[in-house]
Amino acid sequence: MRALCTGTPLTSSGRGSINEIDSIMQAMWDNYRVSPSVIYVNSQELKNITNKVLSNASGPLLRYTAAADDNNMGEYEMVASGTISFYFNPFAIDGGRKIPIKVHPTLPPGTIFGYAEDLPAQYQSNNVPRCVEVRTRRDYYEIDWPLRTRQYEMGVYAEEVLVAYAPFAMFAITNIANG
């Protein structure tokens, strides 16, 4: 599934979530009964999501967890400049699912990508083993080209293709403006 923002920033729902992410997760559940298991973002989008989710309106919805052992009686720590590490998807079996948000090193700014690493039982078979996989005809190999100048020329190659068995179990939100 692909959602295209029209060059506008993400919008906060006012209840600690993002409208665009919520709507695509609801569409994935309503149409295919799947939920993403990981969300990849650029560092810019992680900052934007954190700013939208951690606002004065969502303050009462935050949860602070502390260990209840004898060493920390009455003590607590606060961390400055925190970020969102999980996104809660209410549209999943058993009352919802915590989805980890990870920063991807090569994802361009203005893009959010998510996919289901594990498919529900109704989609699992020999024909659909997982959402995506890389098929390799020939793994990395090196070719030393013949000498035709005084320098040695060589190349490293791989013959691979990405196979998408379940494209409906992936989503990308693109063209998101900063802010």
C-alpha atoms as a PDB file:
ATOM      1  CA  MET A   1       0.000   0.000   0.000  1.00  0.00           C
ATOM      2  CA  ARG A   2       1.231   3.459  -0.710  1.00  0.00           C
ATOM      3  CA  ALA A   3       0.030   6.734   0.719  1.00  0.00           C
ATOM      4  CA  LEU A   4       1.204   9.972  -0.816  1.00  0.00           C
ATOM      5  CA  CYS A   5       1.179  13.141   1.211  1.00  0.00           C
ATOM      6  CA  THR A   6       0.789  16.238  -0.918  1.00  0.00           C
ATOM      7  CA  GLY A   7       3.895  17.884   0.417  1.00  0.00           C
ATOM      8  CA  THR A   8       2.261  18.522   3.781  1.00  0.00           C
ATOM      9  CA  PRO A   9       3.675  17.628   7.197  1.00  0.00           C
ATOM     10  CA  LEU A  10       2.302  14.822   9.338  1.00  0.00           C
ATOM     11  CA  THR A  11      -0.752  15.666  11.426  1.00  0.00           C
ATOM     12  CA  SER A  12      -1.209  14.786  15.076  1.00  0.00           C
ATOM     13  CA  SER A  13      -4.411  13.040  16.102  1.00  0.00           C
ATOM     14  CA  GLY A  14      -4.408  14.708  19.528  1.00  0.00           C
ATOM     15  CA  ARG A  15      -4.396  11.315  21.265  1.00  0.00           C
ATOM     16  CA  GLY A  16      -0.709  10.470  20.943  1.00  0.00           C
ATOM     17  CA  SER A  17      -0.631   9.186  17.378  1.00  0.00           C
ATOM     18  CA  ILE A  18      -0.283  10.333  13.757  1.00  0.00           C
ATOM     19  CA  ASN A  19      -3.370  10.478  11.501  1.00  0.00           C
ATOM     20  CA  GLU A  20      -1.591   9.306   8.345  1.00  0.00           C
ATOM     21  CA  ILE A  21      -0.040   6.268  10.030  1.00  0.00           C
ATOM     22  CA  ASP A  22      -3.307   5.392  11.787  1.00  0.00           C
ATOM     23  CA  SER A  23      -5.314   5.531   8.567  1.00  0.00           C
ATOM     24  CA  ILE A  24      -2.920   3.283   6.639  1.00  0.00           C
ATOM     25  CA  MET A  25      -2.800   0.753   9.486  1.00  0.00           C
ATOM     26  CA  GLN A  26      -6.595   0.706   9.624  1.00  0.00           C
ATOM     27  CA  ALA A  27      -6.755   0.177   5.847  1.00  0.00           C
ATOM     28  CA  MET A  28      -4.265  -2.717   6.082  1.00  0.00           C
ATOM     29  CA  TRP A  29      -6.355  -4.350   8.798  1.00  0.00           C
ATOM     30  CA  ASP A  30      -9.757  -3.723   7.196  1.00  0.00           C
ATOM     31  CA  ASN A  31      -8.722  -4.971   3.749  1.00  0.00           C
ATOM     32  CA  TYR A  32      -6.193  -7.746   4.452  1.00  0.00           C
ATOM     33  CA  ARG A  33      -6.142  -8.445   8.222  1.00  0.00           C
ATOM     34  CA  VAL A  34      -2.403  -7.746   8.468  1.00  0.00           C
ATOM     35  CA  SER A  35      -0.420  -5.470  10.742  1.00  0.00           C
ATOM     36  CA  PRO A  36       3.106  -4.182  10.141  1.00  0.00           C
ATOM     37  CA  SER A  37       5.728  -5.550  12.506  1.00  0.00           C
ATOM     38  CA  VAL A  38       8.372  -2.858  11.941  1.00  0.00           C
ATOM     39  CA  ILE A  39       8.362   0.785  10.811  1.00  0.00           C
ATOM     40  CA  TYR A  40      11.443   2.384   9.236  1.00  0.00           C
ATOM     41  CA  VAL A  41      11.861   6.151   9.176  1.00  0.00           C
ATOM     42  CA  ASN A  42      14.470   8.739   8.305  1.00  0.00           C
ATOM     43  CA  SER A  43      15.958  10.707  11.197  1.00  0.00           C
ATOM     44  CA  GLN A  44      13.930  13.753  10.104  1.00  0.00           C
ATOM     45  CA  GLU A  45      10.672  11.789  10.291  1.00  0.00           C
ATOM     46  CA  LEU A  46      11.566  10.332  13.695  1.00  0.00           C
ATOM     47  CA  LYS A  47      12.019  13.875  14.966  1.00  0.00           C
ATOM     48  CA  ASN A  48       8.725  14.988  13.383  1.00  0.00           C
ATOM     49  CA  ILE A  49       6.798  12.016  14.789  1.00  0.00           C
ATOM     50  CA  THR A  50       8.279  12.634  18.240  1.00  0.00           C
ATOM     51  CA  ASN A  51       7.319  16.318  18.106  1.00  0.00           C
ATOM     52  CA  LYS A  52       3.750  15.514  17.012  1.00  0.00           C
ATOM     53  CA  VAL A  53       3.186  12.684  19.485  1.00  0.00           C
ATOM     54  CA  LEU A  54       4.840  14.226  22.554  1.00  0.00           C
ATOM     55  CA  SER A  55       2.726  17.344  22.947  1.00  0.00           C
ATOM     56  CA  ASN A  56       0.785  18.948  25.788  1.00  0.00           C
ATOM     57  CA  ALA A  57      -2.390  17.214  24.583  1.00  0.00           C
ATOM     58  CA  SER A  58      -0.823  13.751  24.767  1.00  0.00           C
ATOM     59  CA  GLY A  59       0.901  14.298  28.128  1.00  0.00           C
ATOM     60  CA  PRO A  60      -1.691  12.382  30.187  1.00  0.00           C
ATOM     61  CA  LEU A  61      -1.360   9.412  27.797  1.00  0.00           C
ATOM     62  CA  LEU A  62       2.371   8.914  28.408  1.00  0.00           C
ATOM     63  CA  ARG A  63       3.540   5.944  30.418  1.00  0.00           C
ATOM     64  CA  TYR A  64       6.622   5.909  32.615  1.00  0.00           C
ATOM     65  CA  THR A  65       7.841   2.487  33.714  1.00  0.00           C
ATOM     66  CA  ALA A  66      10.290   1.961  36.564  1.00  0.00           C
ATOM     67  CA  ALA A  67      11.696  -1.245  37.998  1.00  0.00           C
ATOM     68  CA  ALA A  68      10.348  -2.148  41.429  1.00  0.00           C
ATOM     69  CA  ASP A  69      13.468  -3.531  43.066  1.00  0.00           C
ATOM     70  CA  ASP A  70      15.019  -2.732  46.427  1.00  0.00           C
ATOM     71  CA  ASN A  71      17.881  -0.710  44.956  1.00  0.00           C
ATOM     72  CA  ASN A  72      15.666   1.988  43.387  1.00  0.00           C
ATOM     73  CA  MET A  73      13.297   2.746  46.246  1.00  0.00           C
ATOM     74  CA  GLY A  74      11.864   6.163  45.495  1.00  0.00           C
ATOM     75  CA  GLU A  75      14.484   6.985  42.874  1.00  0.00           C
ATOM     76  CA  TYR A  76      13.752   7.788  39.261  1.00  0.00           C
ATOM     77  CA  GLU A  77      15.628   9.039  36.226  1.00  0.00           C
ATOM     78  CA  MET A  78      14.539  11.305  33.402  1.00  0.00           C
ATOM     79  CA  VAL A  79      16.215  11.380  30.009  1.00  0.00           C
ATOM     80  CA  ALA A  80      16.354  14.599  28.016  1.00  0.00           C
ATOM     81  CA  SER A  81      15.585  14.601  24.305  1.00  0.00           C
ATOM     82  CA  GLY A  82      13.830  11.269  24.168  1.00  0.00           C
ATOM     83  CA  THR A  83      12.280   9.811  21.021  1.00  0.00           C
ATOM     84  CA  ILE A  84       9.463   7.480  20.156  1.00  0.00           C
ATOM     85  CA  SER A  85      10.700   3.885  19.999  1.00  0.00           C
ATOM     86  CA  PHE A  86       7.362   2.096  19.484  1.00  0.00           C
ATOM     87  CA  TYR A  87       4.101   2.880  17.732  1.00  0.00           C
ATOM     88  CA  PHE A  88       0.929   1.213  19.007  1.00  0.00           C
ATOM     89  CA  ASN A  89      -1.346  -0.255  16.337  1.00  0.00           C
ATOM     90  CA  PRO A  90      -4.851  -0.717  17.810  1.00  0.00           C
ATOM     91  CA  PHE A  91      -5.980  -2.517  14.643  1.00  0.00           C
ATOM     92  CA  ALA A  92      -4.516  -5.934  15.383  1.00  0.00           C
ATOM     93  CA  ILE A  93      -5.512  -9.166  17.066  1.00  0.00           C
ATOM     94  CA  ASP A  94      -5.437  -9.367  20.874  1.00  0.00           C
ATOM     95  CA  GLY A  95      -6.122  -5.688  21.487  1.00  0.00           C
ATOM     96  CA  GLY A  96      -3.273  -4.160  19.524  1.00  0.00           C
ATOM     97  CA  ARG A  97       0.417  -4.427  18.849  1.00  0.00           C
ATOM     98  CA  LYS A  98       3.547  -2.438  19.727  1.00  0.00           C
ATOM     99  CA  ILE A  99       5.509  -1.823  16.530  1.00  0.00           C
ATOM    100  CA  PRO A 100       9.175  -0.792  16.819  1.00  0.00           C
ATOM    101  CA  ILE A 101      10.217   2.368  14.986  1.00  0.00           C
ATOM    102  CA  LYS A 102      13.743   2.128  13.583  1.00  0.00           C
ATOM    103  CA  VAL A 103      15.890   4.735  11.853  1.00  0.00           C
ATOM    104  CA  HIS A 104      16.984   3.466   8.444  1.00  0.00           C
ATOM    105  CA  PRO A 105      20.350   4.804   7.216  1.00  0.00           C
ATOM    106  CA  THR A 106      19.409   5.134   3.528  1.00  0.00           C
ATOM    107  CA  LEU A 107      15.702   5.997   3.648  1.00  0.00           C
ATOM    108  CA  PRO A 108      15.217   9.461   2.120  1.00  0.00           C
ATOM    109  CA  PRO A 109      13.723  12.291   4.174  1.00  0.00           C
ATOM    110  CA  GLY A 110       9.952  12.542   3.919  1.00  0.00           C
ATOM    111  CA  THR A 111       9.429   8.761   3.762  1.00  0.00           C
ATOM    112  CA  ILE A 112       7.994   6.221   6.215  1.00  0.00           C
ATOM    113  CA  PHE A 113       8.156   2.516   5.339  1.00  0.00           C
ATOM    114  CA  GLY A 114       6.664  -0.441   7.180  1.00  0.00           C
ATOM    115  CA  TYR A 115       6.052  -4.086   6.512  1.00  0.00           C
ATOM    116  CA  ALA A 116       4.896  -7.294   8.129  1.00  0.00           C
ATOM    117  CA  GLU A 117       7.812  -9.632   8.773  1.00  0.00           C
ATOM    118  CA  ASP A 118       5.431 -12.432   9.669  1.00  0.00           C
ATOM    119  CA  LEU A 119       2.190 -13.029   7.805  1.00  0.00           C
ATOM    120  CA  PRO A 120      -1.011 -14.279   9.470  1.00  0.00           C
ATOM    121  CA  ALA A 121      -1.879 -17.961   9.205  1.00  0.00           C
ATOM    122  CA  GLN A 122      -4.383 -17.467   6.376  1.00  0.00           C
ATOM    123  CA  TYR A 123      -1.574 -16.274   4.072  1.00  0.00           C
ATOM    124  CA  GLN A 124       1.134 -18.745   5.048  1.00  0.00           C
ATOM    125  CA  SER A 125       1.725 -21.557   2.590  1.00  0.00           C
ATOM    126  CA  ASN A 126       4.459 -22.928   0.367  1.00  0.00           C
ATOM    127  CA  ASN A 127       3.643 -20.287  -2.247  1.00  0.00           C
ATOM    128  CA  VAL A 128       3.795 -17.357   0.211  1.00  0.00           C
ATOM    129  CA  PRO A 129       6.546 -18.124   2.745  1.00  0.00           C
ATOM    130  CA  ARG A 130       7.039 -14.507   3.884  1.00  0.00           C
ATOM    131  CA  CYS A 131       6.286 -10.950   2.869  1.00  0.00           C
ATOM    132  CA  VAL A 132       9.502 -10.327   0.898  1.00  0.00           C
ATOM    133  CA  GLU A 133      12.767 -12.105   0.270  1.00  0.00           C
ATOM    134  CA  VAL A 134      15.901 -11.706  -1.830  1.00  0.00           C
ATOM    135  CA  ARG A 135      16.433 -14.374  -4.468  1.00  0.00           C
ATOM    136  CA  THR A 136      20.047 -14.822  -5.464  1.00  0.00           C
ATOM    137  CA  ARG A 137      21.065 -16.320  -8.773  1.00  0.00           C
ATOM    138  CA  ARG A 138      24.727 -15.749  -8.039  1.00  0.00           C
ATOM    139  CA  ASP A 139      26.130 -14.334  -4.835  1.00  0.00           C
ATOM    140  CA  TYR A 140      28.927 -11.743  -4.754  1.00  0.00           C
ATOM    141  CA  TYR A 141      31.690 -12.559  -7.183  1.00  0.00           C
ATOM    142  CA  GLU A 142      34.734 -10.767  -8.528  1.00  0.00           C
ATOM    143  CA  ILE A 143      35.989 -10.447 -12.079  1.00  0.00           C
ATOM    144  CA  ASP A 144      39.587  -9.457 -12.776  1.00  0.00           C
ATOM    145  CA  TRP A 145      39.493  -7.843 -16.195  1.00  0.00           C
ATOM    146  CA  PRO A 146      42.355  -8.372 -18.658  1.00  0.00           C
ATOM    147  CA  LEU A 147      45.204  -5.887 -18.667  1.00  0.00           C
ATOM    148  CA  ARG A 148      44.876  -3.236 -21.340  1.00  0.00           C
ATOM    149  CA  THR A 149      46.476  -0.355 -19.404  1.00  0.00           C
ATOM    150  CA  ARG A 150      48.988  -0.202 -16.552  1.00  0.00           C
ATOM    151  CA  GLN A 151      46.270  -0.404 -13.922  1.00  0.00           C
ATOM    152  CA  TYR A 152      44.447  -3.477 -12.711  1.00  0.00           C
ATOM    153  CA  GLU A 153      40.716  -3.337 -13.350  1.00  0.00           C
ATOM    154  CA  MET A 154      38.253  -5.495 -11.483  1.00  0.00           C
ATOM    155  CA  GLY A 155      34.602  -5.507 -10.527  1.00  0.00           C
ATOM    156  CA  VAL A 156      32.459  -7.019  -7.779  1.00  0.00           C
ATOM    157  CA  TYR A 157      28.962  -8.063  -8.807  1.00  0.00           C
ATOM    158  CA  ALA A 158      25.873  -9.801  -7.434  1.00  0.00           C
ATOM    159  CA  GLU A 159      22.871 -11.132  -9.312  1.00  0.00           C
ATOM    160  CA  GLU A 160      19.885 -10.705  -7.004  1.00  0.00           C
ATOM    161  CA  VAL A 161      16.232  -9.755  -7.205  1.00  0.00           C
ATOM    162  CA  LEU A 162      13.706  -8.727  -4.562  1.00  0.00           C
ATOM    163  CA  VAL A 163      10.609 -10.953  -4.555  1.00  0.00           C
ATOM    164  CA  ALA A 164       7.466  -9.453  -3.003  1.00  0.00           C
ATOM    165  CA  TYR A 165       5.096 -12.292  -2.156  1.00  0.00           C
ATOM    166  CA  ALA A 166       2.663 -10.075  -0.231  1.00  0.00           C
ATOM    167  CA  PRO A 167       2.857  -6.444  -1.378  1.00  0.00           C
ATOM    168  CA  PHE A 168      -0.344  -5.732   0.542  1.00  0.00           C
ATOM    169  CA  ALA A 169       1.597  -6.322   3.780  1.00  0.00           C
ATOM    170  CA  MET A 170       3.890  -3.330   3.160  1.00  0.00           C
ATOM    171  CA  PHE A 171       3.266   0.403   3.169  1.00  0.00           C
ATOM    172  CA  ALA A 172       5.155   3.548   2.277  1.00  0.00           C
ATOM    173  CA  ILE A 173       4.166   7.113   3.045  1.00  0.00           C
ATOM    174  CA  THR A 174       6.115   9.492   0.814  1.00  0.00           C
ATOM    175  CA  ASN A 175       6.371  13.193   0.037  1.00  0.00           C
ATOM    176  CA  ILE A 176       6.057  14.254   3.687  1.00  0.00           C
ATOM    177  CA  ALA A 177       7.069  17.861   4.304  1.00  0.00           C
ATOM    178  CA  ASN A 178       9.360  18.676   7.199  1.00  0.00           C
ATOM    179  CA  GLY A 179       7.654  20.120  10.228  1.00  0.00           C
END
